[in-house]
């Protein structure tokens, strides 16, 4: 399964021949200036919550590609008001099978206002089941005891994608604890170094994970790795 990082919390997974894009925010990220938005493929777009740094480029990419956008009910309504018609609403605890695999929505402890200030509903994370693999993307969240439920649904987790930038989300130490709770030995870090509030030392973060007996992957923006 291929993982391509587009900066901040935006990434793509290739699953069962489909391109699944998460939390599209590229145009507002100076670190991702070399990424060609018009070249990003997407059959599906998953949005964890309504903040601009997770949804800013969702409409333009969905309009170009015709991708199905999967998100919570309130974000779905907002996107439909922006002119999108191919939207699938979900909410915390729900699951659904799609062409690329199965999605289960999980709890994320965060906030979720939309770019125009309207209510963005509950933030979410996602469990993904495809190609015989189990992946967990927590979305923006604090460390929460709800993560102890993840092994109930995904007892053989192949990797977790977790925020590590602190200030708005978990820091590195909490992300290590989160990885332990969900049963992940391999973690891909997101939501770090984009803004001054969330700057970390990547090498120190990798060393902290290594000391805890886990692997932290921090691909460069535009890089593709195998999960």
N, C-alpha and C. Protein backbone atom coordinates (compact mmCIF):
# COMPACT_ATOMS: atom_id res chain seq x y z
N UNK A 1 0.85 -1.19 0.00
CA UNK A 1 0.00 0.00 0.00
C UNK A 1 0.89 1.25 0.00
N UNK A 2 0.68 2.13 -0.98
CA UNK A 2 1.52 3.32 -1.11
C UNK A 2 0.92 4.51 -0.36
N UNK A 3 1.80 5.21 0.37
CA UNK A 3 1.45 6.42 1.12
C UNK A 3 2.23 7.57 0.51
N UNK A 4 1.53 8.61 0.07
CA UNK A 4 2.19 9.81 -0.45
C UNK A 4 1.84 10.99 0.44
N UNK A 5 2.88 11.71 0.88
CA UNK A 5 2.68 12.83 1.80
C UNK A 5 2.65 14.14 1.03
N UNK A 6 1.62 14.96 1.27
CA UNK A 6 1.49 16.25 0.61
C UNK A 6 1.66 17.43 1.59
N UNK A 7 2.13 17.13 2.80
CA UNK A 7 2.36 18.19 3.77
C UNK A 7 1.25 18.32 4.79
N UNK A 8 1.62 18.82 5.98
CA UNK A 8 0.71 19.01 7.11
C UNK A 8 0.01 17.68 7.43
N UNK A 9 -1.31 17.60 7.29
CA UNK A 9 -2.01 16.33 7.51
C UNK A 9 -2.62 15.80 6.23
N UNK A 10 -2.13 16.26 5.10
CA UNK A 10 -2.65 15.82 3.81
C UNK A 10 -1.78 14.70 3.26
N UNK A 11 -2.41 13.59 2.93
CA UNK A 11 -1.70 12.45 2.37
C UNK A 11 -2.66 11.63 1.52
N UNK A 12 -2.10 10.75 0.74
CA UNK A 12 -2.90 9.88 -0.11
C UNK A 12 -2.48 8.43 0.11
N UNK A 13 -3.46 7.54 0.08
CA UNK A 13 -3.20 6.11 0.13
C UNK A 13 -3.75 5.47 -1.15
N UNK A 14 -2.95 4.62 -1.76
CA UNK A 14 -3.43 3.84 -2.90
C UNK A 14 -3.91 2.50 -2.38
N UNK A 15 -5.21 2.27 -2.51
CA UNK A 15 -5.82 1.06 -1.97
C UNK A 15 -6.74 0.43 -3.01
N UNK A 16 -6.46 -0.82 -3.34
CA UNK A 16 -7.28 -1.55 -4.30
C UNK A 16 -7.50 -0.77 -5.59
N UNK A 17 -6.43 -0.15 -6.06
CA UNK A 17 -6.48 0.57 -7.32
C UNK A 17 -7.12 1.94 -7.26
N UNK A 18 -7.48 2.39 -6.07
CA UNK A 18 -8.10 3.71 -5.89
C UNK A 18 -7.14 4.65 -5.15
N UNK A 19 -7.22 5.93 -5.49
CA UNK A 19 -6.45 6.96 -4.79
C UNK A 19 -7.36 7.61 -3.75
N UNK A 20 -6.99 7.46 -2.49
CA UNK A 20 -7.79 7.99 -1.39
C UNK A 20 -7.01 9.12 -0.74
N UNK A 21 -7.50 10.33 -0.87
CA UNK A 21 -6.83 11.53 -0.38
C UNK A 21 -7.44 11.96 0.96
N UNK A 22 -6.60 12.38 1.89
CA UNK A 22 -7.04 12.77 3.22
C UNK A 22 -6.72 14.24 3.49
N UNK A 23 -7.69 14.94 4.08
CA UNK A 23 -7.52 16.29 4.62
C UNK A 23 -6.72 17.21 3.70
N UNK A 24 -7.27 17.51 2.50
CA UNK A 24 -6.51 18.27 1.51
C UNK A 24 -6.27 19.73 1.88
N UNK A 25 -5.03 20.02 2.21
CA UNK A 25 -4.57 21.38 2.51
C UNK A 25 -3.17 21.51 1.94
N UNK A 26 -3.08 22.10 0.74
CA UNK A 26 -1.80 22.27 0.06
C UNK A 26 -1.54 23.72 -0.29
N UNK A 27 -2.54 24.40 -0.86
CA UNK A 27 -2.34 25.75 -1.39
C UNK A 27 -1.94 26.74 -0.30
N UNK A 28 -2.38 26.52 0.95
CA UNK A 28 -2.04 27.44 2.04
C UNK A 28 -0.80 27.06 2.80
N UNK A 29 -0.11 26.01 2.35
CA UNK A 29 1.07 25.52 3.06
C UNK A 29 2.32 25.91 2.28
N UNK A 30 3.08 26.86 2.80
CA UNK A 30 4.29 27.30 2.11
C UNK A 30 5.29 26.17 1.90
N UNK A 31 5.29 25.19 2.80
CA UNK A 31 6.23 24.09 2.69
C UNK A 31 5.89 23.16 1.53
N UNK A 32 4.65 23.26 1.03
CA UNK A 32 4.19 22.39 -0.06
C UNK A 32 4.07 23.15 -1.37
N UNK A 33 4.84 24.23 -1.51
CA UNK A 33 4.75 25.06 -2.70
C UNK A 33 5.11 24.34 -3.99
N UNK A 34 5.87 23.27 -3.87
CA UNK A 34 6.28 22.52 -5.07
C UNK A 34 5.27 21.47 -5.49
N UNK A 35 4.20 21.29 -4.72
CA UNK A 35 3.18 20.30 -5.05
C UNK A 35 2.19 20.88 -6.05
N UNK A 36 1.97 20.17 -7.14
CA UNK A 36 1.01 20.59 -8.17
C UNK A 36 -0.38 20.06 -7.79
N UNK A 37 -1.23 20.93 -7.30
CA UNK A 37 -2.56 20.49 -6.87
C UNK A 37 -3.33 19.84 -8.02
N UNK A 38 -3.18 20.39 -9.23
CA UNK A 38 -3.93 19.88 -10.37
C UNK A 38 -3.47 18.49 -10.80
N UNK A 39 -2.34 18.03 -10.24
CA UNK A 39 -1.83 16.71 -10.62
C UNK A 39 -2.14 15.65 -9.57
N UNK A 40 -2.75 16.04 -8.46
CA UNK A 40 -3.04 15.07 -7.39
C UNK A 40 -4.26 14.24 -7.78
N UNK A 41 -4.11 12.92 -7.87
CA UNK A 41 -5.26 12.07 -8.20
C UNK A 41 -6.12 11.82 -6.97
N UNK A 42 -7.40 11.65 -7.17
CA UNK A 42 -8.30 11.34 -6.05
C UNK A 42 -9.57 10.68 -6.56
N UNK A 43 -9.81 9.47 -6.09
CA UNK A 43 -11.10 8.82 -6.32
C UNK A 43 -12.03 9.03 -5.13
N UNK A 44 -11.43 9.15 -3.95
CA UNK A 44 -12.15 9.45 -2.72
C UNK A 44 -11.36 10.49 -1.95
N UNK A 45 -12.06 11.33 -1.19
CA UNK A 45 -11.44 12.29 -0.28
C UNK A 45 -12.06 12.10 1.08
N UNK A 46 -11.24 11.85 2.09
CA UNK A 46 -11.72 11.72 3.47
C UNK A 46 -11.30 12.96 4.25
N UNK A 47 -12.25 13.56 4.95
CA UNK A 47 -12.00 14.78 5.71
C UNK A 47 -12.30 14.50 7.18
N UNK A 48 -11.31 14.73 8.03
CA UNK A 48 -11.47 14.40 9.45
C UNK A 48 -12.26 15.45 10.21
N UNK A 49 -12.16 16.72 9.81
CA UNK A 49 -12.92 17.79 10.47
C UNK A 49 -12.86 19.05 9.61
N UNK A 50 -13.54 20.10 10.06
CA UNK A 50 -13.79 21.24 9.20
C UNK A 50 -12.77 22.36 9.18
N UNK A 51 -11.71 22.27 9.96
CA UNK A 51 -10.74 23.36 9.99
C UNK A 51 -10.10 23.57 8.62
N UNK A 52 -9.78 24.84 8.33
CA UNK A 52 -9.27 25.20 7.01
C UNK A 52 -8.00 24.44 6.65
N UNK A 53 -7.18 24.11 7.65
CA UNK A 53 -5.93 23.41 7.35
C UNK A 53 -6.14 21.92 7.10
N UNK A 54 -7.41 21.52 6.93
CA UNK A 54 -7.74 20.13 6.58
C UNK A 54 -8.73 20.05 5.42
N UNK A 55 -9.27 21.21 5.04
CA UNK A 55 -10.36 21.19 4.05
C UNK A 55 -10.18 22.22 2.95
N UNK A 56 -9.15 23.05 3.02
CA UNK A 56 -9.02 24.22 2.14
C UNK A 56 -9.09 23.89 0.66
N UNK A 57 -8.50 22.77 0.25
CA UNK A 57 -8.46 22.43 -1.17
C UNK A 57 -9.42 21.32 -1.55
N UNK A 58 -10.31 20.97 -0.64
CA UNK A 58 -11.22 19.84 -0.89
C UNK A 58 -12.15 20.11 -2.06
N UNK A 59 -12.73 21.29 -2.13
CA UNK A 59 -13.71 21.57 -3.17
C UNK A 59 -13.07 21.56 -4.55
N UNK A 60 -11.95 22.25 -4.70
CA UNK A 60 -11.33 22.34 -6.03
C UNK A 60 -10.84 20.98 -6.51
N UNK A 61 -10.31 20.16 -5.60
CA UNK A 61 -9.84 18.83 -6.00
C UNK A 61 -11.02 17.92 -6.32
N UNK A 62 -12.07 17.98 -5.51
CA UNK A 62 -13.25 17.15 -5.75
C UNK A 62 -13.94 17.52 -7.05
N UNK A 63 -14.01 18.82 -7.35
CA UNK A 63 -14.63 19.25 -8.60
C UNK A 63 -13.84 18.77 -9.81
N UNK A 64 -12.53 18.81 -9.71
CA UNK A 64 -11.68 18.39 -10.83
C UNK A 64 -11.73 16.88 -11.06
N UNK A 65 -11.70 16.12 -9.96
CA UNK A 65 -11.56 14.66 -10.06
C UNK A 65 -12.88 13.92 -10.04
N UNK A 66 -13.93 14.55 -9.51
CA UNK A 66 -15.20 13.84 -9.31
C UNK A 66 -15.16 12.89 -8.14
N UNK A 67 -14.18 13.05 -7.26
CA UNK A 67 -14.02 12.15 -6.11
C UNK A 67 -15.23 12.20 -5.19
N UNK A 68 -15.51 11.05 -4.57
CA UNK A 68 -16.51 11.00 -3.51
C UNK A 68 -15.88 11.50 -2.22
N UNK A 69 -16.51 12.47 -1.58
CA UNK A 69 -15.98 13.04 -0.34
C UNK A 69 -16.70 12.41 0.84
N UNK A 70 -15.92 11.84 1.75
CA UNK A 70 -16.43 11.18 2.96
C UNK A 70 -16.08 12.05 4.15
N UNK A 71 -17.09 12.42 4.93
CA UNK A 71 -16.87 13.36 6.04
C UNK A 71 -18.08 13.30 6.96
N UNK A 72 -18.08 14.11 8.01
CA UNK A 72 -19.24 14.10 8.90
C UNK A 72 -20.42 14.86 8.27
N UNK A 73 -21.56 14.76 8.91
CA UNK A 73 -22.80 15.31 8.36
C UNK A 73 -22.71 16.82 8.11
N UNK A 74 -22.15 17.54 9.09
CA UNK A 74 -22.10 19.00 8.99
C UNK A 74 -21.14 19.46 7.90
N UNK A 75 -19.98 18.82 7.81
CA UNK A 75 -19.03 19.15 6.75
C UNK A 75 -19.63 18.80 5.39
N UNK A 76 -20.36 17.68 5.32
CA UNK A 76 -21.00 17.29 4.06
C UNK A 76 -21.98 18.36 3.59
N UNK A 77 -22.78 18.88 4.52
CA UNK A 77 -23.73 19.94 4.16
C UNK A 77 -23.03 21.18 3.68
N UNK A 78 -21.93 21.54 4.33
CA UNK A 78 -21.16 22.72 3.93
C UNK A 78 -20.58 22.53 2.53
N UNK A 79 -20.05 21.35 2.25
CA UNK A 79 -19.48 21.08 0.93
C UNK A 79 -20.55 21.11 -0.15
N UNK A 80 -21.73 20.61 0.17
CA UNK A 80 -22.82 20.66 -0.80
C UNK A 80 -23.22 22.10 -1.09
N UNK A 81 -23.14 22.96 -0.08
CA UNK A 81 -23.41 24.38 -0.30
C UNK A 81 -22.35 25.05 -1.16
N UNK A 82 -21.17 24.42 -1.24
CA UNK A 82 -20.10 24.93 -2.11
C UNK A 82 -20.22 24.37 -3.53
N UNK A 83 -21.25 23.53 -3.76
CA UNK A 83 -21.49 23.03 -5.10
C UNK A 83 -21.14 21.58 -5.33
N UNK A 84 -20.63 20.88 -4.31
CA UNK A 84 -20.32 19.47 -4.50
C UNK A 84 -21.59 18.62 -4.37
N UNK A 85 -21.67 17.60 -5.19
CA UNK A 85 -22.83 16.70 -5.14
C UNK A 85 -22.45 15.27 -4.75
N UNK A 86 -21.20 14.90 -4.95
CA UNK A 86 -20.77 13.53 -4.67
C UNK A 86 -20.17 13.46 -3.27
N UNK A 87 -21.05 13.51 -2.27
CA UNK A 87 -20.62 13.58 -0.87
C UNK A 87 -21.31 12.46 -0.09
N UNK A 88 -20.53 11.77 0.74
CA UNK A 88 -21.09 10.70 1.57
C UNK A 88 -20.91 11.07 3.05
N UNK A 89 -21.99 11.41 3.76
CA UNK A 89 -21.89 11.77 5.18
C UNK A 89 -21.76 10.55 6.07
N UNK A 90 -20.92 10.67 7.12
CA UNK A 90 -20.80 9.64 8.14
C UNK A 90 -20.72 10.34 9.50
N UNK A 91 -20.56 9.55 10.55
CA UNK A 91 -20.35 10.15 11.86
C UNK A 91 -19.68 9.14 12.78
N UNK A 92 -19.25 9.61 13.93
CA UNK A 92 -18.47 8.82 14.87
C UNK A 92 -19.15 7.49 15.18
N UNK A 93 -18.38 6.40 15.06
CA UNK A 93 -18.89 5.07 15.34
C UNK A 93 -19.42 4.34 14.12
N UNK A 94 -19.73 5.08 13.06
CA UNK A 94 -20.28 4.46 11.86
C UNK A 94 -19.22 3.80 11.01
N UNK A 95 -19.62 2.82 10.22
CA UNK A 95 -18.71 2.16 9.29
C UNK A 95 -19.43 1.96 7.96
N UNK A 96 -18.62 1.79 6.91
CA UNK A 96 -19.19 1.65 5.57
C UNK A 96 -18.14 1.05 4.64
N UNK A 97 -18.59 0.19 3.75
CA UNK A 97 -17.71 -0.37 2.73
C UNK A 97 -17.78 0.48 1.46
N UNK A 98 -16.60 0.80 0.92
CA UNK A 98 -16.50 1.55 -0.33
C UNK A 98 -15.68 0.73 -1.32
N UNK A 99 -15.51 1.25 -2.53
CA UNK A 99 -14.77 0.52 -3.55
C UNK A 99 -13.34 0.19 -3.14
N UNK A 100 -12.73 1.06 -2.34
CA UNK A 100 -11.33 0.86 -1.96
C UNK A 100 -11.17 0.00 -0.71
N UNK A 101 -12.23 -0.15 0.09
CA UNK A 101 -12.16 -0.87 1.34
C UNK A 101 -13.18 -0.35 2.33
N UNK A 102 -13.03 -0.73 3.58
CA UNK A 102 -13.98 -0.36 4.62
C UNK A 102 -13.43 0.79 5.48
N UNK A 103 -14.33 1.68 5.88
CA UNK A 103 -14.00 2.81 6.75
C UNK A 103 -14.82 2.70 8.03
N UNK A 104 -14.19 2.89 9.16
CA UNK A 104 -14.91 3.05 10.43
C UNK A 104 -14.48 4.38 11.04
N UNK A 105 -15.43 5.20 11.43
CA UNK A 105 -15.15 6.52 12.00
C UNK A 105 -14.93 6.40 13.51
N UNK A 106 -13.87 7.03 13.99
CA UNK A 106 -13.50 6.93 15.40
C UNK A 106 -13.52 8.30 16.07
N UNK A 107 -13.48 8.28 17.39
CA UNK A 107 -13.50 9.51 18.18
C UNK A 107 -12.18 10.27 18.04
N UNK A 108 -12.28 11.58 17.88
CA UNK A 108 -11.12 12.47 17.96
C UNK A 108 -11.49 13.61 18.90
N UNK A 109 -10.63 13.91 19.84
CA UNK A 109 -10.87 15.01 20.78
C UNK A 109 -10.22 16.27 20.25
N UNK A 110 -11.04 17.13 19.66
CA UNK A 110 -10.54 18.33 18.99
C UNK A 110 -11.72 19.28 18.84
N UNK A 111 -11.61 20.29 17.99
CA UNK A 111 -12.73 21.15 17.64
C UNK A 111 -12.93 21.07 16.13
N UNK A 112 -13.99 21.72 15.62
CA UNK A 112 -14.28 21.54 14.19
C UNK A 112 -15.17 22.67 13.67
N UNK A 113 -14.59 23.88 13.57
CA UNK A 113 -15.31 24.98 12.94
C UNK A 113 -14.94 25.03 11.47
N UNK A 114 -15.90 25.38 10.61
CA UNK A 114 -15.65 25.46 9.18
C UNK A 114 -15.05 26.82 8.80
N UNK A 115 -14.48 26.95 7.62
CA UNK A 115 -13.79 28.19 7.24
C UNK A 115 -14.64 29.45 7.34
N UNK A 116 -15.96 29.33 7.17
CA UNK A 116 -16.82 30.52 7.27
C UNK A 116 -17.31 30.75 8.69
N UNK A 117 -16.81 29.96 9.66
CA UNK A 117 -17.20 30.13 11.05
C UNK A 117 -18.39 29.30 11.47
N UNK A 118 -18.98 28.58 10.56
CA UNK A 118 -20.14 27.76 10.91
C UNK A 118 -19.71 26.48 11.63
N UNK A 119 -20.67 25.81 12.23
CA UNK A 119 -20.41 24.62 13.03
C UNK A 119 -19.94 23.47 12.16
N UNK A 120 -18.86 22.82 12.57
CA UNK A 120 -18.28 21.76 11.77
C UNK A 120 -18.56 20.36 12.25
N UNK A 121 -19.42 20.19 13.24
CA UNK A 121 -19.74 18.85 13.73
C UNK A 121 -18.61 18.22 14.51
N UNK A 122 -18.73 16.91 14.76
CA UNK A 122 -17.70 16.20 15.52
C UNK A 122 -16.48 15.92 14.67
N UNK A 123 -15.29 16.21 15.19
CA UNK A 123 -14.08 15.75 14.51
C UNK A 123 -14.01 14.22 14.60
N UNK A 124 -13.31 13.61 13.65
CA UNK A 124 -13.25 12.16 13.62
C UNK A 124 -11.85 11.69 13.24
N UNK A 125 -11.58 10.42 13.56
CA UNK A 125 -10.47 9.68 12.97
C UNK A 125 -11.06 8.58 12.12
N UNK A 126 -10.19 7.81 11.45
CA UNK A 126 -10.67 6.75 10.57
C UNK A 126 -9.84 5.48 10.75
N UNK A 127 -10.53 4.36 10.85
CA UNK A 127 -9.91 3.06 10.67
C UNK A 127 -10.17 2.61 9.24
N UNK A 128 -9.13 2.09 8.59
CA UNK A 128 -9.22 1.70 7.19
C UNK A 128 -8.83 0.25 7.04
N UNK A 129 -9.65 -0.49 6.31
CA UNK A 129 -9.42 -1.91 6.08
C UNK A 129 -9.39 -2.14 4.57
N UNK A 130 -8.21 -2.46 4.03
CA UNK A 130 -8.08 -2.66 2.60
C UNK A 130 -6.84 -3.48 2.31
N UNK A 131 -6.90 -4.29 1.27
CA UNK A 131 -5.76 -5.10 0.82
C UNK A 131 -5.21 -5.97 1.95
N UNK A 132 -6.09 -6.41 2.85
CA UNK A 132 -5.67 -7.24 3.96
C UNK A 132 -4.93 -6.49 5.04
N UNK A 133 -4.92 -5.15 4.98
CA UNK A 133 -4.22 -4.34 5.98
C UNK A 133 -5.20 -3.51 6.80
N UNK A 134 -4.72 -3.12 7.99
CA UNK A 134 -5.50 -2.31 8.91
C UNK A 134 -4.69 -1.06 9.25
N UNK A 135 -5.26 0.10 8.96
CA UNK A 135 -4.59 1.37 9.22
C UNK A 135 -5.48 2.26 10.07
N UNK A 136 -4.85 3.10 10.88
CA UNK A 136 -5.58 4.04 11.74
C UNK A 136 -5.05 5.44 11.50
N UNK A 137 -5.92 6.36 11.10
CA UNK A 137 -5.59 7.78 11.04
C UNK A 137 -6.42 8.46 12.10
N UNK A 138 -5.76 9.04 13.09
CA UNK A 138 -6.47 9.57 14.25
C UNK A 138 -7.15 10.90 13.99
N UNK A 139 -6.75 11.62 12.90
CA UNK A 139 -7.18 12.99 12.77
C UNK A 139 -6.53 13.84 13.84
N UNK A 140 -6.88 15.11 13.90
CA UNK A 140 -6.37 15.99 14.95
C UNK A 140 -7.00 15.57 16.27
N UNK A 141 -6.18 15.27 17.25
CA UNK A 141 -6.73 14.82 18.52
C UNK A 141 -5.71 14.93 19.63
N UNK A 142 -6.21 14.96 20.85
CA UNK A 142 -5.38 14.75 22.02
C UNK A 142 -5.25 13.25 22.23
N UNK A 143 -4.40 12.87 23.16
CA UNK A 143 -4.38 11.49 23.63
C UNK A 143 -5.68 11.25 24.38
N UNK A 144 -6.36 10.16 24.08
CA UNK A 144 -7.64 9.88 24.71
C UNK A 144 -7.79 8.40 24.98
N UNK A 145 -8.43 8.07 26.08
CA UNK A 145 -8.63 6.66 26.43
C UNK A 145 -9.50 5.92 25.42
N UNK A 146 -10.24 6.65 24.59
CA UNK A 146 -11.02 6.00 23.53
C UNK A 146 -10.11 5.21 22.59
N UNK A 147 -8.84 5.58 22.52
CA UNK A 147 -7.91 4.85 21.64
C UNK A 147 -7.73 3.40 22.07
N UNK A 148 -8.06 3.10 23.32
CA UNK A 148 -7.95 1.72 23.79
C UNK A 148 -8.97 0.80 23.10
N UNK A 149 -9.96 1.39 22.44
CA UNK A 149 -10.95 0.61 21.71
C UNK A 149 -10.44 0.17 20.33
N UNK A 150 -9.43 0.83 19.82
CA UNK A 150 -8.98 0.55 18.45
C UNK A 150 -8.60 -0.92 18.25
N UNK A 151 -7.86 -1.56 19.18
CA UNK A 151 -7.53 -2.97 18.97
C UNK A 151 -8.74 -3.90 18.95
N UNK A 152 -9.85 -3.46 19.51
CA UNK A 152 -11.09 -4.26 19.45
C UNK A 152 -11.57 -4.38 18.01
N UNK A 153 -11.42 -3.29 17.25
CA UNK A 153 -11.88 -3.27 15.87
C UNK A 153 -10.77 -3.64 14.87
N UNK A 154 -9.54 -3.31 15.23
CA UNK A 154 -8.40 -3.58 14.35
C UNK A 154 -7.30 -4.25 15.17
N UNK A 155 -7.43 -5.55 15.41
CA UNK A 155 -6.51 -6.24 16.32
C UNK A 155 -5.11 -6.45 15.75
N UNK A 156 -4.92 -6.24 14.46
CA UNK A 156 -3.61 -6.41 13.84
C UNK A 156 -3.26 -5.18 13.03
N UNK A 157 -3.14 -4.06 13.71
CA UNK A 157 -2.91 -2.78 13.06
C UNK A 157 -1.53 -2.75 12.40
N UNK A 158 -1.50 -2.40 11.12
CA UNK A 158 -0.24 -2.35 10.39
C UNK A 158 0.50 -1.02 10.60
N UNK A 159 -0.23 0.06 10.75
CA UNK A 159 0.39 1.37 10.96
C UNK A 159 -0.65 2.35 11.48
N UNK A 160 -0.17 3.37 12.18
CA UNK A 160 -1.02 4.47 12.64
C UNK A 160 -0.45 5.78 12.11
N UNK A 161 -1.33 6.66 11.69
CA UNK A 161 -0.96 7.99 11.21
C UNK A 161 -1.45 8.97 12.27
N UNK A 162 -0.49 9.62 12.95
CA UNK A 162 -0.80 10.40 14.15
C UNK A 162 -0.20 11.79 14.08
N UNK A 163 -0.90 12.81 14.61
CA UNK A 163 -0.30 14.14 14.74
C UNK A 163 0.74 14.15 15.85
N UNK A 164 1.83 14.90 15.64
CA UNK A 164 2.91 14.92 16.62
C UNK A 164 3.39 16.34 16.94
N UNK A 165 2.70 17.36 16.44
CA UNK A 165 3.22 18.72 16.51
C UNK A 165 2.96 19.49 17.79
N UNK A 166 2.17 18.91 18.72
CA UNK A 166 1.87 19.59 19.99
C UNK A 166 1.02 20.85 19.74
N UNK A 167 0.77 21.61 20.77
CA UNK A 167 0.01 22.86 20.80
C UNK A 167 -1.47 22.70 20.45
N UNK A 168 -1.80 22.17 19.27
CA UNK A 168 -3.19 21.93 18.88
C UNK A 168 -3.58 20.47 19.00
N UNK A 169 -2.60 19.58 19.10
CA UNK A 169 -2.84 18.14 19.09
C UNK A 169 -1.86 17.47 20.06
N UNK A 170 -1.76 16.16 19.96
CA UNK A 170 -0.77 15.42 20.72
C UNK A 170 0.65 15.89 20.41
N UNK A 171 1.53 15.77 21.39
CA UNK A 171 2.95 15.94 21.13
C UNK A 171 3.56 14.56 20.88
N UNK A 172 4.87 14.50 20.75
CA UNK A 172 5.54 13.24 20.46
C UNK A 172 5.31 12.22 21.57
N UNK A 173 5.45 12.65 22.82
CA UNK A 173 5.29 11.72 23.94
C UNK A 173 3.89 11.13 23.97
N UNK A 174 2.88 11.97 23.76
CA UNK A 174 1.51 11.47 23.76
C UNK A 174 1.25 10.57 22.54
N UNK A 175 1.88 10.89 21.43
CA UNK A 175 1.71 10.05 20.25
C UNK A 175 2.31 8.67 20.47
N UNK A 176 3.41 8.60 21.22
CA UNK A 176 3.99 7.30 21.56
C UNK A 176 3.01 6.51 22.42
N UNK A 177 2.40 7.17 23.40
CA UNK A 177 1.39 6.49 24.22
C UNK A 177 0.19 6.07 23.38
N UNK A 178 -0.21 6.92 22.44
CA UNK A 178 -1.33 6.58 21.56
C UNK A 178 -0.99 5.35 20.73
N UNK A 179 0.23 5.29 20.21
CA UNK A 179 0.64 4.13 19.42
C UNK A 179 0.58 2.85 20.25
N UNK A 180 0.96 2.96 21.52
CA UNK A 180 0.88 1.80 22.41
C UNK A 180 -0.57 1.38 22.61
N UNK A 181 -1.45 2.34 22.85
CA UNK A 181 -2.86 2.03 23.07
C UNK A 181 -3.49 1.34 21.87
N UNK A 182 -3.16 1.81 20.67
CA UNK A 182 -3.82 1.27 19.48
C UNK A 182 -3.10 0.04 18.94
N UNK A 183 -1.94 -0.26 19.48
CA UNK A 183 -1.21 -1.45 19.07
C UNK A 183 -0.40 -1.28 17.80
N UNK A 184 0.15 -0.08 17.59
CA UNK A 184 0.93 0.20 16.38
C UNK A 184 2.42 0.28 16.69
N UNK A 185 3.21 -0.50 15.99
CA UNK A 185 4.67 -0.40 16.10
C UNK A 185 5.21 0.60 15.10
N UNK A 186 4.48 0.81 14.00
CA UNK A 186 4.91 1.74 12.95
C UNK A 186 3.95 2.93 12.94
N UNK A 187 4.53 4.14 13.02
CA UNK A 187 3.73 5.37 13.04
C UNK A 187 4.23 6.32 11.97
N UNK A 188 3.30 6.93 11.24
CA UNK A 188 3.63 8.02 10.32
C UNK A 188 3.18 9.31 10.99
N UNK A 189 4.10 10.25 11.14
CA UNK A 189 3.79 11.51 11.80
C UNK A 189 3.23 12.54 10.83
N UNK A 190 2.22 13.29 11.28
CA UNK A 190 1.65 14.39 10.51
C UNK A 190 1.39 15.57 11.45
N UNK A 191 0.94 16.68 10.86
CA UNK A 191 0.55 17.88 11.63
C UNK A 191 1.72 18.41 12.47
N UNK A 192 2.83 18.67 11.80
CA UNK A 192 4.00 19.23 12.48
C UNK A 192 4.79 20.11 11.51
N UNK A 193 5.44 21.14 12.05
CA UNK A 193 6.37 22.02 11.33
C UNK A 193 5.73 22.92 10.27
N UNK A 194 4.42 22.87 10.09
CA UNK A 194 3.77 23.71 9.09
C UNK A 194 3.74 25.17 9.53
N UNK A 195 3.47 25.39 10.81
CA UNK A 195 3.38 26.73 11.38
C UNK A 195 4.29 26.82 12.59
N UNK A 196 4.54 28.05 13.02
CA UNK A 196 5.40 28.25 14.18
C UNK A 196 4.91 27.57 15.44
N UNK A 197 3.61 27.44 15.58
CA UNK A 197 3.03 26.82 16.77
C UNK A 197 3.40 25.34 16.91
N UNK A 198 3.69 24.68 15.79
CA UNK A 198 3.82 23.22 15.83
C UNK A 198 5.18 22.74 15.32
N UNK A 199 6.20 23.56 15.50
CA UNK A 199 7.55 23.18 15.06
C UNK A 199 8.17 22.21 16.06
N UNK A 200 8.72 21.12 15.56
CA UNK A 200 9.40 20.13 16.38
C UNK A 200 10.74 19.79 15.74
N UNK A 201 11.56 19.04 16.45
CA UNK A 201 12.81 18.51 15.91
C UNK A 201 12.55 17.09 15.42
N UNK A 202 12.52 16.85 14.12
CA UNK A 202 12.17 15.53 13.60
C UNK A 202 13.10 14.42 14.06
N UNK A 203 14.39 14.69 14.14
CA UNK A 203 15.33 13.65 14.54
C UNK A 203 15.13 13.26 16.00
N UNK A 204 14.88 14.26 16.84
CA UNK A 204 14.58 13.95 18.25
C UNK A 204 13.31 13.11 18.36
N UNK A 205 12.31 13.45 17.54
CA UNK A 205 11.06 12.69 17.56
C UNK A 205 11.29 11.24 17.16
N UNK A 206 12.08 11.02 16.11
CA UNK A 206 12.39 9.65 15.68
C UNK A 206 13.13 8.89 16.78
N UNK A 207 14.05 9.57 17.43
CA UNK A 207 14.82 8.91 18.51
C UNK A 207 13.93 8.55 19.69
N UNK A 208 12.97 9.43 20.01
CA UNK A 208 12.05 9.13 21.12
C UNK A 208 11.21 7.90 20.80
N UNK A 209 10.75 7.80 19.57
CA UNK A 209 9.99 6.61 19.18
C UNK A 209 10.87 5.37 19.22
N UNK A 210 12.10 5.50 18.75
CA UNK A 210 13.01 4.36 18.75
C UNK A 210 13.28 3.88 20.17
N UNK A 211 13.47 4.83 21.09
CA UNK A 211 13.69 4.48 22.50
C UNK A 211 12.50 3.71 23.06
N UNK A 212 11.31 4.04 22.57
CA UNK A 212 10.08 3.36 23.01
C UNK A 212 9.84 2.05 22.26
N UNK A 213 10.77 1.67 21.40
CA UNK A 213 10.63 0.42 20.66
C UNK A 213 9.71 0.51 19.47
N UNK A 214 9.51 1.74 18.95
CA UNK A 214 8.61 1.94 17.81
C UNK A 214 9.32 2.70 16.70
N UNK A 215 8.74 2.67 15.53
CA UNK A 215 9.33 3.34 14.37
C UNK A 215 8.47 4.52 13.97
N UNK A 216 9.08 5.70 13.85
CA UNK A 216 8.40 6.90 13.38
C UNK A 216 8.88 7.23 11.97
N UNK A 217 7.96 7.26 11.03
CA UNK A 217 8.27 7.61 9.65
C UNK A 217 7.84 9.04 9.39
N UNK A 218 8.77 9.83 8.82
CA UNK A 218 8.49 11.23 8.50
C UNK A 218 8.91 11.49 7.05
N UNK A 219 8.12 11.00 6.09
CA UNK A 219 8.48 11.21 4.69
C UNK A 219 8.47 12.69 4.32
N UNK A 220 9.29 13.05 3.35
CA UNK A 220 9.33 14.44 2.87
C UNK A 220 8.05 14.73 2.10
N UNK A 221 7.72 16.02 2.02
CA UNK A 221 6.54 16.42 1.26
C UNK A 221 6.74 16.06 -0.21
N UNK A 222 5.82 15.30 -0.74
CA UNK A 222 5.91 14.81 -2.10
C UNK A 222 6.46 13.41 -2.20
N UNK A 223 6.99 12.86 -1.10
CA UNK A 223 7.58 11.53 -1.10
C UNK A 223 6.52 10.44 -0.97
N UNK A 224 6.75 9.33 -1.64
CA UNK A 224 5.89 8.15 -1.53
C UNK A 224 6.64 7.02 -0.85
N UNK A 225 6.01 6.39 0.13
CA UNK A 225 6.61 5.25 0.82
C UNK A 225 5.62 4.09 0.79
N UNK A 226 6.11 2.92 1.14
CA UNK A 226 5.26 1.74 1.19
C UNK A 226 4.88 1.46 2.65
N UNK A 227 3.60 1.24 2.90
CA UNK A 227 3.13 0.88 4.23
C UNK A 227 2.71 -0.60 4.25
